[in-house]
Amino acid sequence: MLKYFIILFFCYKIKLIFFKAKAEALKKLIVLMLNGEKFPSLLMIIIRYVMPSQDHAIKKLLLIFWEVVPKHTGDGKLLQEMILVCDAYR
C-alpha cells in the first residue's frame, strides 16, 4: 500500500510543469532505484513528461536514470519502452 502512495507522489511531481519539482522527484526516484526498489509503472510517465524537457539539469538526471532503470524483461527481451527512449535520443 505504501508503494502505491510513493508512485502517486512521483506521478504528481513529474507531471508538474516546474523544472525544480521534476528534478527533485527524479533524484529521489534514482536513489530509490539504486536501493533496490522497482517502479516499472513510472517508466512511461518519465518518457512522456520528463524526456521532452529542455532543462539541462533534468537532461543530466535522465542520463543517470537510464543507466539505473532495468532495460530488459525477466526473460531477457528488451523492454518496448527502451525502444522509445532510443528513438527519442536519435
Protein backbone atom coordinates (compact mmCIF):
# COMPACT_ATOMS: atom_id res chain seq x y z
CA MET A 1 0.00 0.00 0.00
CA LEU A 2 2.86 2.37 0.81
CA LYS A 3 4.45 1.75 -2.58
CA TYR A 4 1.20 2.80 -4.26
CA PHE A 5 1.34 6.18 -2.49
CA ILE A 6 5.01 6.58 -3.43
CA ILE A 7 4.13 6.00 -7.09
CA LEU A 8 1.29 8.54 -6.86
CA PHE A 9 3.67 11.06 -5.31
CA PHE A 10 6.18 10.65 -8.14
CA CYS A 11 3.43 10.85 -10.77
CA TYR A 12 2.20 14.11 -9.28
CA LYS A 13 5.67 15.65 -9.05
CA ILE A 14 6.70 14.59 -12.54
CA LYS A 15 3.54 15.89 -14.20
CA LEU A 16 4.08 19.38 -12.76
CA ILE A 17 5.43 21.98 -15.16
CA PHE A 18 8.06 23.22 -12.71
CA PHE A 19 11.57 22.03 -13.57
CA LYS A 20 12.68 22.08 -9.94
CA ALA A 21 9.89 19.69 -8.88
CA LYS A 22 10.67 17.31 -11.75
CA ALA A 23 14.37 17.33 -10.92
CA GLU A 24 13.70 16.70 -7.23
CA ALA A 25 11.37 13.79 -7.99
CA LEU A 26 13.84 12.31 -10.47
CA LYS A 27 16.67 12.50 -7.92
CA LYS A 28 14.57 10.71 -5.29
CA LEU A 29 13.50 8.11 -7.83
CA ILE A 30 17.12 7.41 -8.81
CA VAL A 31 18.13 6.97 -5.18
CA LEU A 32 15.23 4.59 -4.52
CA MET A 33 16.06 2.56 -7.62
CA LEU A 34 19.71 2.33 -6.59
CA ASN A 35 18.50 0.97 -3.25
CA GLY A 36 16.68 -1.86 -5.00
CA GLU A 37 13.13 -0.56 -5.43
CA LYS A 38 11.39 -1.25 -8.73
CA PHE A 39 8.97 1.18 -10.37
CA PRO A 40 8.09 -0.22 -13.81
CA SER A 41 4.85 1.75 -14.00
CA LEU A 42 6.71 5.06 -13.87
CA LEU A 43 8.74 4.39 -17.00
CA MET A 44 6.14 5.64 -19.48
CA ILE A 45 5.40 8.67 -17.30
CA ILE A 46 9.10 9.58 -17.33
CA ILE A 47 9.19 9.19 -21.11
CA ARG A 48 6.04 11.25 -21.63
CA TYR A 49 6.57 14.10 -19.18
CA VAL A 50 10.30 14.38 -18.47
CA MET A 51 12.09 13.47 -21.72
CA PRO A 52 10.72 16.45 -23.71
CA SER A 53 12.10 18.84 -21.09
CA GLN A 54 14.71 21.35 -22.26
CA ASP A 55 16.24 21.90 -18.81
CA HIS A 56 19.91 20.93 -18.72
CA ALA A 57 19.84 19.57 -15.15
CA ILE A 58 16.87 17.33 -15.94
CA LYS A 59 18.62 16.01 -19.04
CA LYS A 60 21.66 15.09 -16.95
CA LEU A 61 19.45 13.37 -14.38
CA LEU A 62 17.70 11.48 -17.17
CA LEU A 63 21.01 10.09 -18.41
CA ILE A 64 21.69 8.77 -14.90
CA PHE A 65 18.14 7.40 -14.70
CA TRP A 66 18.55 5.45 -17.95
CA GLU A 67 21.69 3.82 -16.52
CA VAL A 68 19.83 2.74 -13.37
CA VAL A 69 16.48 1.58 -14.76
CA PRO A 70 16.10 -2.10 -15.80
CA LYS A 71 16.14 -2.34 -19.58
CA HIS A 72 15.15 -5.98 -20.05
CA THR A 73 12.22 -8.17 -19.10
CA GLY A 74 12.62 -11.26 -16.93
CA ASP A 75 13.23 -13.47 -19.96
CA GLY A 76 15.95 -11.20 -21.40
CA LYS A 77 13.98 -9.30 -24.02
CA LEU A 78 14.42 -5.56 -24.41
CA LEU A 79 11.53 -3.51 -22.99
CA GLN A 80 9.35 -1.77 -25.57
CA GLU A 81 9.76 1.47 -23.64
CA MET A 82 13.53 1.35 -24.18
CA ILE A 83 12.96 1.36 -27.94
CA LEU A 84 11.02 4.62 -27.49
CA VAL A 85 13.89 6.05 -25.46
CA CYS A 86 16.47 5.13 -28.12
CA ASP A 87 14.32 6.63 -30.87
CA ALA A 88 13.89 9.84 -28.88
CA TYR A 89 17.65 10.26 -28.44
CA ARG A 90 18.39 9.69 -32.12
